[in-house]
């Protein structure tokens, strides 16, 4: 038909849909990346359009090719570090946890402790990039990377590590935590349950605020601040993902004793979930840390030492007791594998004030004998029967770890296959 022609157009299709939405992202109608790796790698993915100068006759036919003005370059292929099997199980287990606990949102990230590769990253709510007719800000938010929260008790191992590193204590040093409350200035802090005398190891196992605070108050504030910032807290992440936040660690010169005490157990400090996952590398990697990568790593990175191997192994042993029947996270246990980690439960801050809403989290790694994966889980505002990290987030870790270790062909390091979970386990202090 005269006046009508056809033109071929190309449209992105995302086969993994909502499962990979926050990693891959999407492009706009002009094929320019708007979110995720589509945005982060826009320049290398897009390539360069070429042009040339020619002479045409009156009918539009090229009669002479003068020269190429710009040579065209194809976009580069991008090999993501994501393992599709692990990504799917992480997404599905997080979704189940958010629904089961009637939570507002959730996030999970799985790291390869050897290479620094991000093996899985998922958020809820999510969206389908193939159908973006109705999108909300909540669906688009990559909470693992862009949202901060007070980590609560998942910060305690760093305070203990610093005390061990400075030889102020040993794992067996006793600390009096009775009567379960402690006054600092005009403020009072407390434990969920009175414990009496605890060793440093038991301070981690039982998640004692008082024990951790007493260790912190023995240290110069500058040492704690340097430990936190060296781990990346309060520092702009360098892994090149859009919207990654630094979190907040206030300058140590402004710390009052009560603030130093509460920061030692994760209050008054804000972090992202991916920062928490990376920080636990120092325990999984015998004291050093490496950069994170969303792309396949071909050359193993050289680690930056943060603490000694001796200190790292001592804290790792403490974190393993957390997942035992006497700890706060027996629900994190994985049949056939030794696992280690720490629960976190913190009040949310709204309008500068603490409110009666919670963020439940768990950060752990496995297998303990030679850690391969690090998993961090966060569930925002659980409103079901439970709200503690050991009840809400630890089971997600267990399911994802079990499947991920099998997917990576990691050999079991435990003969224990019958998992014992006490009905009324320890609860971490808020």
Foldseek 3Di string as FASTA:
>chain_A
DPPDDDDDDDDDDDVVFFLCCQACPAADPVQQGDHHVSPLQVVQQQWADWAFDFDADPVRHTDGTDGTPGDTTHRDDFAFLADVQLSVLLAVLLVVLCVVLVFPKKKKWKAFLFFQETHYIHMPPAGTNVDPPDDDPRHNDRQLFANKFQFFQLLQLLLLLLCVQVVVFAQFAKDACPPQWDDDPNDIFGWPHHDGIDGNLVCQQLQGLSVLLVSQLVDQLVSVVVLCVVLQAQHQADQRHPNGDRWDDDDSVPDDSVNSSRVSRGPPTMDHQVSSQQSLSCLQVQAWGDHHYRGDDDDGDDTDGRGHSVSSLSSLVSQLSLCAQQGLAVLLDAALARKGWHKGKDFGADPNHGDPFIKTKMWIFDRSVRTTMIMIMITGGRNHPDRHNNVRVSNSNRSSVNSVCVVVVPHGDDNGGDRDHDPDYRGHGD
